[in-house]
Structure formats: structure tokens, C-alpha cells
All heavy atoms as atom14 arrays in JSON, in Angstrom:
{
  "sequence": "FNAGNMEAKVPVATADEVGELAAAFNDMSQRLEESFSKERELERNRR",
  "atom14_mask": [
    [1, 1, 1, 1, 1, 1, 1, 1, 1, 1, 1, 0, 0, 0],
    [1, 1, 1, 1, 1, 1, 1, 1, 0, 0, 0, 0, 0, 0],
    [1, 1, 1, 1, 1, 0, 0, 0, 0, 0, 0, 0, 0, 0],
    [1, 1, 1, 1, 0, 0, 0, 0, 0, 0, 0, 0, 0, 0],
    [1, 1, 1, 1, 1, 1, 1, 1, 0, 0, 0, 0, 0, 0],
    [1, 1, 1, 1, 1, 1, 1, 1, 0, 0, 0, 0, 0, 0],
    [1, 1, 1, 1, 1, 1, 1, 1, 1, 0, 0, 0, 0, 0],
    [1, 1, 1, 1, 1, 0, 0, 0, 0, 0, 0, 0, 0, 0],
    [1, 1, 1, 1, 1, 1, 1, 1, 1, 0, 0, 0, 0, 0],
    [1, 1, 1, 1, 1, 1, 1, 0, 0, 0, 0, 0, 0, 0],
    [1, 1, 1, 1, 1, 1, 1, 0, 0, 0, 0, 0, 0, 0],
    [1, 1, 1, 1, 1, 1, 1, 0, 0, 0, 0, 0, 0, 0],
    [1, 1, 1, 1, 1, 0, 0, 0, 0, 0, 0, 0, 0, 0],
    [1, 1, 1, 1, 1, 1, 1, 0, 0, 0, 0, 0, 0, 0],
    [1, 1, 1, 1, 1, 0, 0, 0, 0, 0, 0, 0, 0, 0],
    [1, 1, 1, 1, 1, 1, 1, 1, 0, 0, 0, 0, 0, 0],
    [1, 1, 1, 1, 1, 1, 1, 1, 1, 0, 0, 0, 0, 0],
    [1, 1, 1, 1, 1, 1, 1, 0, 0, 0, 0, 0, 0, 0],
    [1, 1, 1, 1, 0, 0, 0, 0, 0, 0, 0, 0, 0, 0],
    [1, 1, 1, 1, 1, 1, 1, 1, 1, 0, 0, 0, 0, 0],
    [1, 1, 1, 1, 1, 1, 1, 1, 0, 0, 0, 0, 0, 0],
    [1, 1, 1, 1, 1, 0, 0, 0, 0, 0, 0, 0, 0, 0],
    [1, 1, 1, 1, 1, 0, 0, 0, 0, 0, 0, 0, 0, 0],
    [1, 1, 1, 1, 1, 0, 0, 0, 0, 0, 0, 0, 0, 0],
    [1, 1, 1, 1, 1, 1, 1, 1, 1, 1, 1, 0, 0, 0],
    [1, 1, 1, 1, 1, 1, 1, 1, 0, 0, 0, 0, 0, 0],
    [1, 1, 1, 1, 1, 1, 1, 1, 0, 0, 0, 0, 0, 0],
    [1, 1, 1, 1, 1, 1, 1, 1, 0, 0, 0, 0, 0, 0],
    [1, 1, 1, 1, 1, 1, 0, 0, 0, 0, 0, 0, 0, 0],
    [1, 1, 1, 1, 1, 1, 1, 1, 1, 0, 0, 0, 0, 0],
    [1, 1, 1, 1, 1, 1, 1, 1, 1, 1, 1, 0, 0, 0],
    [1, 1, 1, 1, 1, 1, 1, 1, 0, 0, 0, 0, 0, 0],
    [1, 1, 1, 1, 1, 1, 1, 1, 1, 0, 0, 0, 0, 0],
    [1, 1, 1, 1, 1, 1, 1, 1, 1, 0, 0, 0, 0, 0],
    [1, 1, 1, 1, 1, 1, 0, 0, 0, 0, 0, 0, 0, 0],
    [1, 1, 1, 1, 1, 1, 1, 1, 1, 1, 1, 0, 0, 0],
    [1, 1, 1, 1, 1, 1, 0, 0, 0, 0, 0, 0, 0, 0],
    [1, 1, 1, 1, 1, 1, 1, 1, 1, 0, 0, 0, 0, 0],
    [1, 1, 1, 1, 1, 1, 1, 1, 1, 0, 0, 0, 0, 0],
    [1, 1, 1, 1, 1, 1, 1, 1, 1, 1, 1, 0, 0, 0],
    [1, 1, 1, 1, 1, 1, 1, 1, 1, 0, 0, 0, 0, 0],
    [1, 1, 1, 1, 1, 1, 1, 1, 0, 0, 0, 0, 0, 0],
    [1, 1, 1, 1, 1, 1, 1, 1, 1, 0, 0, 0, 0, 0],
    [1, 1, 1, 1, 1, 1, 1, 1, 1, 1, 1, 0, 0, 0],
    [1, 1, 1, 1, 1, 1, 1, 1, 0, 0, 0, 0, 0, 0],
    [1, 1, 1, 1, 1, 1, 1, 1, 1, 1, 1, 0, 0, 0],
    [1, 1, 1, 1, 1, 1, 1, 1, 1, 1, 1, 0, 0, 0]
  ],
  "atom14_positions": [
    [[70.58, 17.24, -165.2], [70.81, 17.99, -166.44], [71.57, 19.28, -166.16], [72.48, 19.65, -166.88], [69.46, 18.3, -167.09], [69.56, 18.97, -168.43], [69.71, 18.21, -169.58], [69.51, 20.34, -168.55], [69.82, 18.83, -170.82], [69.61, 20.96, -169.77], [69.77, 20.2, -170.91], [0.0, 0.0, 0.0], [0.0, 0.0, 0.0], [0.0, 0.0, 0.0]],
    [[71.2, 19.96, -165.06], [71.87, 21.2, -164.68], [73.32, 20.97, -164.3], [74.16, 21.86, -164.45], [71.12, 21.85, -163.53], [71.58, 23.28, -163.26], [71.71, 24.09, -164.17], [71.81, 23.58, -162.0], [0.0, 0.0, 0.0], [0.0, 0.0, 0.0], [0.0, 0.0, 0.0], [0.0, 0.0, 0.0], [0.0, 0.0, 0.0], [0.0, 0.0, 0.0]],
    [[73.63, 19.76, -163.83], [75.01, 19.43, -163.46], [75.86, 19.04, -164.66], [77.06, 18.81, -164.5], [75.01, 18.29, -162.44], [0.0, 0.0, 0.0], [0.0, 0.0, 0.0], [0.0, 0.0, 0.0], [0.0, 0.0, 0.0], [0.0, 0.0, 0.0], [0.0, 0.0, 0.0], [0.0, 0.0, 0.0], [0.0, 0.0, 0.0], [0.0, 0.0, 0.0]],
    [[75.25, 18.98, -165.85], [76.01, 18.69, -167.05], [75.69, 17.4, -167.74], [76.26, 17.09, -168.79], [0.0, 0.0, 0.0], [0.0, 0.0, 0.0], [0.0, 0.0, 0.0], [0.0, 0.0, 0.0], [0.0, 0.0, 0.0], [0.0, 0.0, 0.0], [0.0, 0.0, 0.0], [0.0, 0.0, 0.0], [0.0, 0.0, 0.0], [0.0, 0.0, 0.0]],
    [[74.76, 16.62, -167.16], [74.37, 15.35, -167.78], [73.29, 15.61, -168.82], [72.09, 15.63, -168.5], [73.88, 14.37, -166.71], [73.48, 13.03, -167.3], [73.85, 12.69, -168.42], [72.7, 12.27, -166.55], [0.0, 0.0, 0.0], [0.0, 0.0, 0.0], [0.0, 0.0, 0.0], [0.0, 0.0, 0.0], [0.0, 0.0, 0.0], [0.0, 0.0, 0.0]],
    [[73.69, 15.78, -170.06], [72.75, 16.09, -171.13], [71.89, 14.9, -171.53], [70.93, 15.06, -172.28], [73.5, 16.61, -172.37], [74.28, 17.89, -172.12], [73.18, 19.24, -171.64], [74.36, 20.51, -171.25], [0.0, 0.0, 0.0], [0.0, 0.0, 0.0], [0.0, 0.0, 0.0], [0.0, 0.0, 0.0], [0.0, 0.0, 0.0], [0.0, 0.0, 0.0]],
    [[72.23, 13.72, -171.03], [71.46, 12.52, -171.37], [70.4, 12.2, -170.31], [69.79, 11.13, -170.37], [72.4, 11.32, -171.54], [73.39, 11.5, -172.69], [74.3, 10.31, -172.86], [74.2, 9.38, -172.02], [75.11, 10.3, -173.82], [0.0, 0.0, 0.0], [0.0, 0.0, 0.0], [0.0, 0.0, 0.0], [0.0, 0.0, 0.0], [0.0, 0.0, 0.0]],
    [[70.18, 13.1, -169.35], [69.2, 12.87, -168.3], [67.8, 12.74, -168.9], [67.39, 13.56, -169.72], [69.25, 13.99, -167.27], [0.0, 0.0, 0.0], [0.0, 0.0, 0.0], [0.0, 0.0, 0.0], [0.0, 0.0, 0.0], [0.0, 0.0, 0.0], [0.0, 0.0, 0.0], [0.0, 0.0, 0.0], [0.0, 0.0, 0.0], [0.0, 0.0, 0.0]],
    [[67.08, 11.71, -168.46], [65.73, 11.47, -168.95], [64.81, 11.14, -167.78], [65.25, 10.71, -166.71], [65.72, 10.31, -169.96], [66.48, 10.6, -171.25], [65.82, 11.64, -172.08], [66.52, 11.81, -173.44], [67.88, 12.38, -173.26], [0.0, 0.0, 0.0], [0.0, 0.0, 0.0], [0.0, 0.0, 0.0], [0.0, 0.0, 0.0], [0.0, 0.0, 0.0]],
    [[63.52, 11.36, -168.0], [62.49, 11.07, -167.0], [61.58, 9.98, -167.53], [61.1, 10.08, -168.66], [61.66, 12.33, -166.68], [60.64, 12.03, -165.58], [62.56, 13.49, -166.28], [0.0, 0.0, 0.0], [0.0, 0.0, 0.0], [0.0, 0.0, 0.0], [0.0, 0.0, 0.0], [0.0, 0.0, 0.0], [0.0, 0.0, 0.0], [0.0, 0.0, 0.0]],
    [[61.34, 8.91, -166.75], [60.41, 7.88, -167.22], [59.0, 8.43, -167.37], [58.49, 9.09, -166.47], [60.49, 6.81, -166.12], [61.05, 7.51, -164.94], [61.92, 8.61, -165.43], [0.0, 0.0, 0.0], [0.0, 0.0, 0.0], [0.0, 0.0, 0.0], [0.0, 0.0, 0.0], [0.0, 0.0, 0.0], [0.0, 0.0, 0.0], [0.0, 0.0, 0.0]],
    [[58.37, 8.17, -168.5], [57.0, 8.62, -168.76], [56.07, 7.45, -168.43], [55.88, 6.55, -169.23], [56.83, 9.08, -170.21], [55.41, 9.58, -170.45], [57.85, 10.17, -170.56], [0.0, 0.0, 0.0], [0.0, 0.0, 0.0], [0.0, 0.0, 0.0], [0.0, 0.0, 0.0], [0.0, 0.0, 0.0], [0.0, 0.0, 0.0], [0.0, 0.0, 0.0]],
    [[55.48, 7.51, -167.22], [54.66, 6.4, -166.75], [53.17, 6.64, -166.91], [52.38, 5.71, -166.82], [54.99, 6.11, -165.28], [0.0, 0.0, 0.0], [0.0, 0.0, 0.0], [0.0, 0.0, 0.0], [0.0, 0.0, 0.0], [0.0, 0.0, 0.0], [0.0, 0.0, 0.0], [0.0, 0.0, 0.0], [0.0, 0.0, 0.0], [0.0, 0.0, 0.0]],
    [[52.75, 7.89, -167.11], [51.34, 8.23, -167.21], [51.09, 9.1, -168.43], [52.01, 9.64, -169.03], [50.87, 8.96, -165.94], [51.61, 10.19, -165.79], [51.08, 8.09, -164.71], [0.0, 0.0, 0.0], [0.0, 0.0, 0.0], [0.0, 0.0, 0.0], [0.0, 0.0, 0.0], [0.0, 0.0, 0.0], [0.0, 0.0, 0.0], [0.0, 0.0, 0.0]],
    [[49.8, 9.23, -168.77], [49.41, 10.07, -169.89], [48.78, 11.38, -169.44], [48.21, 12.1, -170.25], [48.43, 9.3, -170.8], [0.0, 0.0, 0.0], [0.0, 0.0, 0.0], [0.0, 0.0, 0.0], [0.0, 0.0, 0.0], [0.0, 0.0, 0.0], [0.0, 0.0, 0.0], [0.0, 0.0, 0.0], [0.0, 0.0, 0.0], [0.0, 0.0, 0.0]],
    [[48.88, 11.7, -168.14], [48.3, 12.93, -167.62], [49.27, 14.09, -167.82], [50.26, 13.99, -168.54], [47.92, 12.76, -166.15], [49.09, 12.27, -165.31], [50.26, 12.33, -165.77], [48.84, 11.81, -164.17], [0.0, 0.0, 0.0], [0.0, 0.0, 0.0], [0.0, 0.0, 0.0], [0.0, 0.0, 0.0], [0.0, 0.0, 0.0], [0.0, 0.0, 0.0]],
    [[48.96, 15.22, -167.14], [49.79, 16.41, -167.29], [51.24, 16.18, -166.84], [52.18, 16.7, -167.44], [49.18, 17.58, -166.5], [47.9, 18.13, -167.08], [46.69, 17.36, -166.68], [46.84, 16.29, -166.03], [45.58, 17.79, -167.0], [0.0, 0.0, 0.0], [0.0, 0.0, 0.0], [0.0, 0.0, 0.0], [0.0, 0.0, 0.0], [0.0, 0.0, 0.0]],
    [[51.42, 15.39, -165.77], [52.77, 15.08, -165.31], [53.53, 14.28, -166.37], [54.71, 14.52, -166.64], [52.73, 14.32, -163.97], [54.14, 13.92, -163.54], [52.09, 15.18, -162.89], [0.0, 0.0, 0.0], [0.0, 0.0, 0.0], [0.0, 0.0, 0.0], [0.0, 0.0, 0.0], [0.0, 0.0, 0.0], [0.0, 0.0, 0.0], [0.0, 0.0, 0.0]],
    [[52.83, 13.32, -166.99], [53.45, 12.55, -168.07], [53.81, 13.43, -169.25], [54.86, 13.27, -169.87], [0.0, 0.0, 0.0], [0.0, 0.0, 0.0], [0.0, 0.0, 0.0], [0.0, 0.0, 0.0], [0.0, 0.0, 0.0], [0.0, 0.0, 0.0], [0.0, 0.0, 0.0], [0.0, 0.0, 0.0], [0.0, 0.0, 0.0], [0.0, 0.0, 0.0]],
    [[52.92, 14.38, -169.59], [53.2, 15.3, -170.68], [54.41, 16.18, -170.35], [55.24, 16.47, -171.21], [51.98, 16.17, -170.96], [50.8, 15.42, -171.56], [49.6, 16.32, -171.8], [49.71, 17.52, -171.48], [48.58, 15.83, -172.31], [0.0, 0.0, 0.0], [0.0, 0.0, 0.0], [0.0, 0.0, 0.0], [0.0, 0.0, 0.0], [0.0, 0.0, 0.0]],
    [[54.5, 16.59, -169.08], [55.65, 17.39, -168.64], [56.94, 16.59, -168.76], [57.97, 17.11, -169.21], [55.44, 17.88, -167.21], [56.55, 18.75, -166.61], [56.73, 20.02, -167.43], [56.22, 19.1, -165.16], [0.0, 0.0, 0.0], [0.0, 0.0, 0.0], [0.0, 0.0, 0.0], [0.0, 0.0, 0.0], [0.0, 0.0, 0.0], [0.0, 0.0, 0.0]],
    [[56.9, 15.32, -168.34], [58.08, 14.46, -168.45], [58.49, 14.26, -169.91], [59.67, 14.32, -170.25], [57.81, 13.11, -167.78], [0.0, 0.0, 0.0], [0.0, 0.0, 0.0], [0.0, 0.0, 0.0], [0.0, 0.0, 0.0], [0.0, 0.0, 0.0], [0.0, 0.0, 0.0], [0.0, 0.0, 0.0], [0.0, 0.0, 0.0], [0.0, 0.0, 0.0]],
    [[57.5, 14.03, -170.78], [57.79, 13.85, -172.2], [58.38, 15.13, -172.79], [59.3, 15.08, -173.61], [56.53, 13.44, -172.95], [0.0, 0.0, 0.0], [0.0, 0.0, 0.0], [0.0, 0.0, 0.0], [0.0, 0.0, 0.0], [0.0, 0.0, 0.0], [0.0, 0.0, 0.0], [0.0, 0.0, 0.0], [0.0, 0.0, 0.0], [0.0, 0.0, 0.0]],
    [[57.83, 16.29, -172.38], [58.35, 17.56, -172.87], [59.79, 17.77, -172.42], [60.64, 18.27, -173.17], [57.46, 18.71, -172.4], [0.0, 0.0, 0.0], [0.0, 0.0, 0.0], [0.0, 0.0, 0.0], [0.0, 0.0, 0.0], [0.0, 0.0, 0.0], [0.0, 0.0, 0.0], [0.0, 0.0, 0.0], [0.0, 0.0, 0.0], [0.0, 0.0, 0.0]],
    [[60.07, 17.39, -171.16], [61.45, 17.52, -170.66], [62.39, 16.62, -171.45], [63.5, 17.04, -171.81], [61.51, 17.17, -169.17], [62.91, 17.14, -168.62], [63.54, 18.29, -168.2], [63.6, 15.94, -168.54], [64.83, 18.26, -167.71], [64.9, 15.9, -168.06], [65.51, 17.06, -167.63], [0.0, 0.0, 0.0], [0.0, 0.0, 0.0], [0.0, 0.0, 0.0]],
    [[61.98, 15.38, -171.69], [62.82, 14.46, -172.45], [63.09, 14.98, -173.85], [64.21, 14.87, -174.37], [62.17, 13.08, -172.51], [62.12, 12.39, -171.16], [62.88, 12.74, -170.25], [61.22, 11.44, -171.01], [0.0, 0.0, 0.0], [0.0, 0.0, 0.0], [0.0, 0.0, 0.0], [0.0, 0.0, 0.0], [0.0, 0.0, 0.0], [0.0, 0.0, 0.0]],
    [[62.05, 15.54, -174.48], [62.23, 16.11, -175.81], [63.19, 17.29, -175.77], [64.05, 17.43, -176.64], [60.87, 16.53, -176.36], [60.95, 17.06, -177.78], [61.32, 16.29, -178.69], [60.67, 18.25, -177.99], [0.0, 0.0, 0.0], [0.0, 0.0, 0.0], [0.0, 0.0, 0.0], [0.0, 0.0, 0.0], [0.0, 0.0, 0.0], [0.0, 0.0, 0.0]],
    [[63.03, 18.16, -174.75], [63.94, 19.29, -174.61], [65.37, 18.82, -174.39], [66.32, 19.36, -174.99], [63.49, 20.17, -173.44], [64.38, 21.38, -173.18], [64.14, 22.1, -171.54], [64.85, 20.79, -170.5], [0.0, 0.0, 0.0], [0.0, 0.0, 0.0], [0.0, 0.0, 0.0], [0.0, 0.0, 0.0], [0.0, 0.0, 0.0], [0.0, 0.0, 0.0]],
    [[65.54, 17.81, -173.53], [66.87, 17.29, -173.26], [67.52, 16.73, -174.52], [68.7, 16.96, -174.78], [66.79, 16.2, -172.18], [68.04, 15.6, -171.96], [0.0, 0.0, 0.0], [0.0, 0.0, 0.0], [0.0, 0.0, 0.0], [0.0, 0.0, 0.0], [0.0, 0.0, 0.0], [0.0, 0.0, 0.0], [0.0, 0.0, 0.0], [0.0, 0.0, 0.0]],
    [[66.73, 16.0, -175.32], [67.24, 15.43, -176.55], [67.68, 16.51, -177.53], [68.75, 16.43, -178.14], [66.18, 14.53, -177.19], [66.57, 13.88, -178.5], [67.67, 12.86, -178.33], [67.8, 12.27, -177.26], [68.47, 12.63, -179.36], [0.0, 0.0, 0.0], [0.0, 0.0, 0.0], [0.0, 0.0, 0.0], [0.0, 0.0, 0.0], [0.0, 0.0, 0.0]],
    [[66.82, 17.54, -177.68], [67.14, 18.62, -178.6], [68.38, 19.39, -178.16], [69.23, 19.75, -178.98], [65.95, 19.56, -178.74], [64.75, 18.95, -179.45], [63.58, 19.91, -179.48], [62.44, 19.35, -180.16], [62.22, 19.42, -181.47], [63.08, 20.05, -182.24], [61.15, 18.87, -182.01], [0.0, 0.0, 0.0], [0.0, 0.0, 0.0], [0.0, 0.0, 0.0]],
    [[68.48, 19.66, -176.85], [69.64, 20.38, -176.35], [70.91, 19.56, -176.51], [71.98, 20.09, -176.84], [69.43, 20.77, -174.89], [68.45, 21.91, -174.63], [68.24, 22.11, -173.13], [68.97, 23.21, -175.25], [0.0, 0.0, 0.0], [0.0, 0.0, 0.0], [0.0, 0.0, 0.0], [0.0, 0.0, 0.0], [0.0, 0.0, 0.0], [0.0, 0.0, 0.0]],
    [[70.81, 18.25, -176.26], [71.96, 17.37, -176.45], [72.43, 17.4, -177.89], [73.64, 17.49, -178.17], [71.61, 15.95, -176.02], [72.66, 14.89, -176.38], [74.02, 15.14, -175.77], [74.09, 15.87, -174.75], [75.01, 14.62, -176.32], [0.0, 0.0, 0.0], [0.0, 0.0, 0.0], [0.0, 0.0, 0.0], [0.0, 0.0, 0.0], [0.0, 0.0, 0.0]],
    [[71.49, 17.32, -178.83], [71.84, 17.39, -180.24], [72.46, 18.74, -180.59], [73.43, 18.81, -181.35], [70.6, 17.14, -181.1], [70.06, 15.72, -181.0], [68.76, 15.53, -181.75], [68.23, 16.54, -182.28], [68.25, 14.39, -181.81], [0.0, 0.0, 0.0], [0.0, 0.0, 0.0], [0.0, 0.0, 0.0], [0.0, 0.0, 0.0], [0.0, 0.0, 0.0]],
    [[71.9, 19.81, -180.03], [72.42, 21.14, -180.29], [73.83, 21.3, -179.74], [74.73, 21.81, -180.42], [71.49, 22.19, -179.67], [72.02, 23.49, -179.84], [0.0, 0.0, 0.0], [0.0, 0.0, 0.0], [0.0, 0.0, 0.0], [0.0, 0.0, 0.0], [0.0, 0.0, 0.0], [0.0, 0.0, 0.0], [0.0, 0.0, 0.0], [0.0, 0.0, 0.0]],
    [[74.05, 20.85, -178.49], [75.37, 20.95, -177.89], [76.38, 20.06, -178.62], [77.55, 20.43, -178.75], [75.31, 20.57, -176.41], [74.72, 21.64, -175.53], [73.77, 21.32, -174.59], [75.11, 22.94, -175.65], [73.2, 22.29, -173.79], [74.55, 23.93, -174.84], [73.6, 23.6, -173.91], [0.0, 0.0, 0.0], [0.0, 0.0, 0.0], [0.0, 0.0, 0.0]],
    [[75.92, 18.91, -179.09], [76.8, 18.03, -179.84], [77.26, 18.68, -181.13], [78.45, 18.63, -181.49], [76.1, 16.7, -180.13], [76.92, 15.84, -180.85], [0.0, 0.0, 0.0], [0.0, 0.0, 0.0], [0.0, 0.0, 0.0], [0.0, 0.0, 0.0], [0.0, 0.0, 0.0], [0.0, 0.0, 0.0], [0.0, 0.0, 0.0], [0.0, 0.0, 0.0]],
    [[76.3, 19.32, -181.83], [76.66, 20.04, -183.05], [77.59, 21.2, -182.75], [78.53, 21.46, -183.49], [75.4, 20.54, -183.75], [74.54, 19.43, -184.34], [73.3, 20.01, -185.0], [72.42, 18.9, -185.59], [71.19, 19.45, -186.21], [0.0, 0.0, 0.0], [0.0, 0.0, 0.0], [0.0, 0.0, 0.0], [0.0, 0.0, 0.0], [0.0, 0.0, 0.0]],
    [[77.32, 21.89, -181.63], [78.17, 23.02, -181.25], [79.59, 22.56, -180.95], [80.56, 23.22, -181.36], [77.56, 23.73, -180.04], [78.31, 25.0, -179.65], [77.65, 25.73, -178.5], [76.47, 25.43, -178.22], [78.31, 26.58, -177.89], [0.0, 0.0, 0.0], [0.0, 0.0, 0.0], [0.0, 0.0, 0.0], [0.0, 0.0, 0.0], [0.0, 0.0, 0.0]],
    [[79.71, 21.42, -180.23], [81.04, 20.89, -179.94], [81.77, 20.49, -181.22], [82.97, 20.72, -181.36], [80.92, 19.71, -178.98], [80.53, 20.07, -177.57], [80.72, 18.89, -176.62], [79.84, 17.79, -176.96], [78.64, 17.61, -176.42], [78.18, 18.47, -175.51], [77.89, 16.58, -176.76], [0.0, 0.0, 0.0], [0.0, 0.0, 0.0], [0.0, 0.0, 0.0]],
    [[81.01, 19.88, -182.15], [81.6, 19.48, -183.41], [82.06, 20.7, -184.21], [83.16, 20.7, -184.8], [80.6, 18.66, -184.23], [81.1, 18.18, -185.58], [82.2, 17.14, -185.48], [82.37, 16.56, -184.38], [82.89, 16.92, -186.49], [0.0, 0.0, 0.0], [0.0, 0.0, 0.0], [0.0, 0.0, 0.0], [0.0, 0.0, 0.0], [0.0, 0.0, 0.0]],
    [[81.23, 21.75, -184.22], [81.61, 22.97, -184.92], [82.84, 23.61, -184.29], [83.71, 24.12, -184.99], [80.44, 23.96, -184.92], [79.25, 23.61, -185.83], [78.11, 24.6, -185.61], [79.68, 23.63, -187.3], [0.0, 0.0, 0.0], [0.0, 0.0, 0.0], [0.0, 0.0, 0.0], [0.0, 0.0, 0.0], [0.0, 0.0, 0.0], [0.0, 0.0, 0.0]],
    [[82.88, 23.61, -182.96], [84.03, 24.18, -182.27], [85.3, 23.4, -182.57], [86.37, 23.98, -182.79], [83.76, 24.23, -180.76], [84.91, 24.77, -179.93], [85.26, 26.21, -180.23], [84.41, 26.93, -180.81], [86.41, 26.61, -179.94], [0.0, 0.0, 0.0], [0.0, 0.0, 0.0], [0.0, 0.0, 0.0], [0.0, 0.0, 0.0], [0.0, 0.0, 0.0]],
    [[85.18, 22.06, -182.59], [86.34, 21.24, -182.92], [86.8, 21.51, -184.34], [88.0, 21.66, -184.62], [85.99, 19.76, -182.76], [87.17, 18.81, -182.98], [86.74, 17.37, -182.85], [85.79, 17.0, -183.87], [86.13, 16.65, -185.11], [87.41, 16.61, -185.46], [85.21, 16.32, -186.0], [0.0, 0.0, 0.0], [0.0, 0.0, 0.0], [0.0, 0.0, 0.0]],
    [[85.84, 21.59, -185.27], [86.18, 21.88, -186.66], [86.81, 23.27, -186.79], [87.72, 23.48, -187.6], [84.94, 21.78, -187.55], [84.45, 20.36, -187.7], [85.21, 19.4, -187.51], [83.18, 20.2, -188.04], [0.0, 0.0, 0.0], [0.0, 0.0, 0.0], [0.0, 0.0, 0.0], [0.0, 0.0, 0.0], [0.0, 0.0, 0.0], [0.0, 0.0, 0.0]],
    [[86.29, 24.22, -185.99], [86.83, 25.58, -186.06], [88.3, 25.6, -185.61], [89.14, 26.25, -186.24], [86.0, 26.51, -185.18], [86.38, 27.98, -185.3], [85.71, 28.81, -184.23], [86.21, 28.46, -182.91], [87.36, 28.94, -182.41], [88.11, 29.77, -183.1], [87.75, 28.57, -181.2], [0.0, 0.0, 0.0], [0.0, 0.0, 0.0], [0.0, 0.0, 0.0]],
    [[88.59, 24.87, -184.51], [89.97, 24.83, -184.03], [90.88, 24.16, -185.05], [92.0, 24.65, -185.31], [90.04, 24.08, -182.7], [89.43, 24.84, -181.52], [89.88, 24.23, -180.21], [89.46, 22.84, -180.1], [88.33, 22.44, -179.53], [87.51, 23.33, -179.0], [88.02, 21.15, -179.47], [0.0, 0.0, 0.0], [0.0, 0.0, 0.0], [0.0, 0.0, 0.0]]
  ]
}
């Protein structure tokens, strides 16, 4: 994700704290991807 892959996801294999952390990361990644996508669209529209 830090290298620019906004679609990076973590498999959620357990329901413990590690699984919750993975799910939280996936949710964050999804939200950021949507946000960056909207930002790119706005920038394209602005140009």
C-alpha cells in the first residue's frame, strides 16, 4: 500500500484481534482507494 498499490488487501482468516486488525486495514484501504479515486476524478474534471 505504501508503494502505491491502493488495492492491497489482507486475508481475514481469524476472528481474533489479528483478524480484526486485518479487516480494519482492508476497510481503510477501500476507503482510501475510493477517496483517491474521487480526488483523481476531481482533478481530471478540474483540468
